[in-house]
């Protein structure tokens, strides 16, 4: 049985998103309603009732918000095995953000009662859920500090480093991230511009620190990547 040991927010998010749902059998998961969403269709919108939690079975979901002046802020990208809409567990009644399927997507839809039953049946899941919610708050604080104290370049590189820590798979001496994000998504997640993201990624590729395309990111040397953070 897996025993969680977390040192930071990335570890706890990774543990819940990518491992502990396996405590539920396929039959158990299939008890819950599923829904398919076409690319560019909304799972939910601001002001909708926050009465469900969602688990991505396949596809990709962007969670974010738009401000009055038209600026989009992406809060997370949910991939297969990830949950979103989890703040309904701690009393959120009305959605403050939107969830958009950025490709054809299928999700499990769990009510609050469903989730509480899972947590009772699998106590470790309850502990991990609390870890996840706490980690979200820590991650928000870290993003705020980065906005105030770090340059656009450093924010992008730090984001890449954390992305590899959360989702990377070791391939020899290198780290591979599948389902890489678009430059615009990275820009929205780091409060930078798409042009800046492209410039930073190309510079890191020219230095042979990493390589990338639309579907994957391969970091050749994590130490060199970390050293690029000013």
Protein backbone atom coordinates (compact mmCIF):
# COMPACT_ATOMS: atom_id res chain seq x y z
CA UNK A 1 0.00 0.00 0.00
CA UNK A 2 1.26 3.43 -0.90
CA UNK A 3 2.31 5.66 2.00
CA UNK A 4 2.36 9.38 1.21
CA UNK A 5 5.36 11.42 2.20
CA UNK A 6 5.11 15.03 1.12
CA UNK A 7 7.58 17.84 1.31
CA UNK A 8 5.71 20.47 -0.70
CA UNK A 9 2.57 21.28 -2.66
CA UNK A 10 3.79 19.70 -5.89
CA UNK A 11 4.31 16.36 -4.15
CA UNK A 12 0.82 16.24 -2.66
CA UNK A 13 -0.88 17.30 -5.88
CA UNK A 14 1.07 14.66 -7.80
CA UNK A 15 0.22 11.96 -5.27
CA UNK A 16 -3.52 12.57 -5.35
CA UNK A 17 -3.81 13.23 -9.07
CA UNK A 18 -1.62 10.45 -10.36
CA UNK A 19 -1.68 7.59 -7.87
CA UNK A 20 -4.36 7.31 -5.26
CA UNK A 21 -7.36 7.18 -7.55
CA UNK A 22 -6.04 3.72 -8.31
CA UNK A 23 -7.30 2.69 -4.88
CA UNK A 24 -10.71 2.74 -6.56
CA UNK A 25 -11.34 -0.15 -8.89
CA UNK A 26 -12.62 0.38 -12.39
CA UNK A 27 -15.97 -1.04 -11.27
CA UNK A 28 -16.19 1.48 -8.44
CA UNK A 29 -15.46 4.39 -10.73
CA UNK A 30 -17.96 3.16 -13.30
CA UNK A 31 -20.71 3.58 -10.69
CA UNK A 32 -20.48 7.33 -11.16
CA UNK A 33 -22.08 9.21 -14.05
CA UNK A 34 -19.80 10.12 -16.93
CA UNK A 35 -20.23 12.84 -19.47
CA UNK A 36 -18.47 13.61 -22.73
CA UNK A 37 -17.64 17.17 -23.71
CA UNK A 38 -16.64 18.22 -27.19
CA UNK A 39 -13.57 20.38 -27.71
CA UNK A 40 -14.21 24.01 -26.69
CA UNK A 41 -17.36 23.20 -24.71
CA UNK A 42 -17.81 24.21 -21.06
CA UNK A 43 -18.05 21.74 -18.20
CA UNK A 44 -19.28 24.58 -16.00
CA UNK A 45 -19.41 28.38 -15.98
CA UNK A 46 -19.14 31.11 -13.34
CA UNK A 47 -22.29 31.39 -11.22
CA UNK A 48 -23.22 27.73 -11.81
CA UNK A 49 -24.02 25.69 -8.71
CA UNK A 50 -20.89 24.14 -7.19
CA UNK A 51 -22.44 20.79 -6.30
CA UNK A 52 -20.09 18.33 -8.05
CA UNK A 53 -16.45 17.34 -8.23
CA UNK A 54 -15.04 16.13 -11.54
CA UNK A 55 -12.42 13.50 -12.36
CA UNK A 56 -10.93 13.52 -15.86
CA UNK A 57 -11.17 10.10 -17.52
CA UNK A 58 -9.76 11.25 -20.86
CA UNK A 59 -9.00 14.55 -22.53
CA UNK A 60 -7.99 17.89 -21.09
CA UNK A 61 -9.80 20.62 -19.14
CA UNK A 62 -8.74 24.22 -18.57
CA UNK A 63 -9.93 25.89 -15.36
CA UNK A 64 -9.72 29.67 -15.28
CA UNK A 65 -11.47 33.00 -15.15
CA UNK A 66 -11.88 36.16 -17.22
CA UNK A 67 -11.65 39.65 -15.81
CA UNK A 68 -13.74 42.59 -16.94
CA UNK A 69 -10.93 43.93 -19.11
CA UNK A 70 -10.76 40.64 -21.03
CA UNK A 71 -7.66 39.13 -19.42
CA UNK A 72 -7.80 35.36 -18.97
CA UNK A 73 -6.19 33.73 -15.95
CA UNK A 74 -5.67 29.97 -16.11
CA UNK A 75 -5.71 28.34 -12.69
CA UNK A 76 -4.98 24.77 -13.74
CA UNK A 77 -4.92 22.33 -16.62
CA UNK A 78 -6.60 19.05 -15.64
CA UNK A 79 -5.41 15.91 -17.43
CA UNK A 80 -6.54 12.25 -17.09
CA UNK A 81 -6.52 11.29 -13.40
CA UNK A 82 -6.83 14.91 -12.22
CA UNK A 83 -9.75 16.33 -10.29
CA UNK A 84 -11.22 19.81 -10.59
CA UNK A 85 -14.09 21.68 -9.01
CA UNK A 86 -12.87 20.46 -5.62
CA UNK A 87 -13.60 23.70 -3.73
CA UNK A 88 -17.22 22.63 -3.50
CA UNK A 89 -15.98 20.25 -0.80
CA UNK A 90 -15.10 23.15 1.49
CA UNK A 91 -18.29 25.11 1.17
CA UNK A 92 -18.14 26.85 -2.21
CA UNK A 93 -21.74 26.99 -3.38
CA UNK A 94 -21.38 29.05 -6.59
CA UNK A 95 -18.61 28.62 -9.15
CA UNK A 96 -16.23 31.56 -9.44
CA UNK A 97 -14.38 30.18 -12.45
CA UNK A 98 -15.07 28.21 -15.61
CA UNK A 99 -13.95 24.76 -16.77
CA UNK A 100 -13.45 24.36 -20.53
CA UNK A 101 -12.67 21.14 -22.42
CA UNK A 102 -9.74 22.03 -24.68
CA UNK A 103 -10.05 18.71 -26.53
CA UNK A 104 -12.69 15.99 -26.65
CA UNK A 105 -13.00 15.03 -23.00
CA UNK A 106 -14.81 12.56 -20.75
CA UNK A 107 -15.21 13.15 -17.03
CA UNK A 108 -16.65 11.33 -14.04
CA UNK A 109 -19.10 13.51 -12.11
CA UNK A 110 -19.15 12.98 -8.34
CA UNK A 111 -21.57 14.65 -5.96
CA UNK A 112 -20.38 15.92 -2.60
CA UNK A 113 -22.05 12.86 -1.02
CA UNK A 114 -20.17 10.58 -3.45
CA UNK A 115 -16.85 12.17 -2.54
CA UNK A 116 -17.52 12.00 1.19
CA UNK A 117 -18.37 8.30 0.84
CA UNK A 118 -15.10 7.68 -1.01
CA UNK A 119 -13.20 9.46 1.74
CA UNK A 120 -14.94 7.34 4.39
CA UNK A 121 -14.22 4.11 2.50
CA UNK A 122 -10.62 5.10 1.71
CA UNK A 123 -9.32 7.17 4.66
CA UNK A 124 -6.05 7.85 2.88
CA UNK A 125 -8.00 9.58 0.14
CA UNK A 126 -9.49 11.96 2.71
CA UNK A 127 -6.03 12.80 4.01
CA UNK A 128 -4.78 13.39 0.47
CA UNK A 129 -7.75 15.59 -0.33
CA UNK A 130 -6.89 17.83 2.61
CA UNK A 131 -3.29 17.86 1.37
CA UNK A 132 -4.51 18.87 -2.05
CA UNK A 133 -6.67 21.75 -0.82
CA UNK A 134 -3.83 23.02 1.35
CA UNK A 135 -1.44 22.68 -1.56
CA UNK A 136 -3.71 24.78 -3.76
CA UNK A 137 -3.48 27.61 -1.23
CA UNK A 138 0.30 27.31 -1.00
CA UNK A 139 0.57 27.28 -4.79
CA UNK A 140 -1.55 30.44 -4.99
CA UNK A 141 0.70 32.19 -2.48
CA UNK A 142 3.80 31.11 -4.41
CA UNK A 143 2.36 32.43 -7.67
CA UNK A 144 1.58 35.77 -6.00
CA UNK A 145 5.12 36.03 -4.63
CA UNK A 146 6.54 35.21 -8.05
CA UNK A 147 4.47 37.97 -9.64
CA UNK A 148 5.87 40.50 -7.17
CA UNK A 149 9.48 39.41 -6.85
CA UNK A 150 10.48 37.48 -9.97
CA UNK A 151 11.02 38.40 -13.61
CA UNK A 152 8.87 37.01 -16.41
CA UNK A 153 11.73 34.74 -17.49
CA UNK A 154 12.21 33.35 -13.98
CA UNK A 155 8.47 32.72 -13.58
CA UNK A 156 8.36 30.74 -16.82
CA UNK A 157 11.41 28.65 -15.94
CA UNK A 158 10.13 28.02 -12.42
CA UNK A 159 6.80 26.92 -13.91
CA UNK A 160 8.60 24.46 -16.22
CA UNK A 161 10.60 23.10 -13.30
CA UNK A 162 7.44 22.54 -11.22
CA UNK A 163 5.65 21.01 -14.21
CA UNK A 164 8.44 18.46 -14.59
CA UNK A 165 8.31 17.71 -10.86
CA UNK A 166 4.55 17.10 -11.00
CA UNK A 167 4.23 15.24 -14.28
CA UNK A 168 7.70 14.29 -15.47
CA UNK A 169 8.78 10.74 -16.23
CA UNK A 170 12.44 9.83 -16.10
CA UNK A 171 13.87 8.65 -19.41
CA UNK A 172 17.49 7.79 -18.79
CA UNK A 173 19.07 10.98 -17.47
CA UNK A 174 16.32 13.15 -18.92
CA UNK A 175 12.79 14.07 -17.81
CA UNK A 176 9.82 13.75 -20.16
CA UNK A 177 6.48 15.56 -19.80
CA UNK A 178 3.74 14.32 -22.09
CA UNK A 179 0.75 16.45 -23.09
CA UNK A 180 2.79 19.65 -22.98
CA UNK A 181 0.89 22.93 -22.84
CA UNK A 182 0.57 25.60 -25.49
CA UNK A 183 2.68 28.73 -25.22
CA UNK A 184 -0.48 30.76 -24.59
CA UNK A 185 -1.54 28.48 -21.73
CA UNK A 186 1.90 28.83 -20.10
CA UNK A 187 1.70 32.59 -20.56
CA UNK A 188 -1.70 32.73 -18.86
CA UNK A 189 -0.50 30.52 -16.01
CA UNK A 190 2.59 32.68 -15.41
CA UNK A 191 1.10 36.14 -16.12
CA UNK A 192 3.45 36.69 -19.04
CA UNK A 193 2.94 36.94 -22.81
CA UNK A 194 2.97 34.21 -25.44
CA UNK A 195 5.90 35.93 -27.15
CA UNK A 196 7.91 35.88 -23.92
CA UNK A 197 7.19 32.18 -23.38
CA UNK A 198 8.30 31.40 -26.94
CA UNK A 199 11.49 33.44 -26.50
CA UNK A 200 12.39 31.71 -23.21
CA UNK A 201 11.67 28.21 -24.53
CA UNK A 202 13.69 28.81 -27.68
CA UNK A 203 16.60 30.16 -25.62
CA UNK A 204 16.56 27.08 -23.37
CA UNK A 205 16.43 24.84 -26.44
CA UNK A 206 19.37 26.69 -28.01
CA UNK A 207 21.33 26.08 -24.79
CA UNK A 208 20.47 22.35 -25.12
CA UNK A 209 18.74 22.38 -21.72
CA UNK A 210 15.46 21.14 -23.14
CA UNK A 211 13.57 20.36 -26.31
CA UNK A 212 9.85 20.56 -26.97
CA UNK A 213 7.03 20.32 -29.47
CA UNK A 214 3.25 20.62 -29.30
CA UNK A 215 2.83 17.34 -27.39
CA UNK A 216 5.93 16.87 -25.22
CA UNK A 217 8.64 18.57 -23.22
CA UNK A 218 12.01 16.86 -22.67
CA UNK A 219 14.34 18.40 -20.10
CA UNK A 220 17.88 17.23 -20.66
CA UNK A 221 19.37 18.61 -17.44
CA UNK A 222 17.26 19.68 -14.45
CA UNK A 223 20.24 21.26 -12.70
CA UNK A 224 20.93 23.51 -15.67
CA UNK A 225 17.25 24.40 -15.86
CA UNK A 226 17.21 25.39 -12.16
CA UNK A 227 20.36 27.46 -12.63
CA UNK A 228 18.53 29.59 -15.21
CA UNK A 229 16.17 30.97 -12.53
CA UNK A 230 17.48 34.41 -11.61
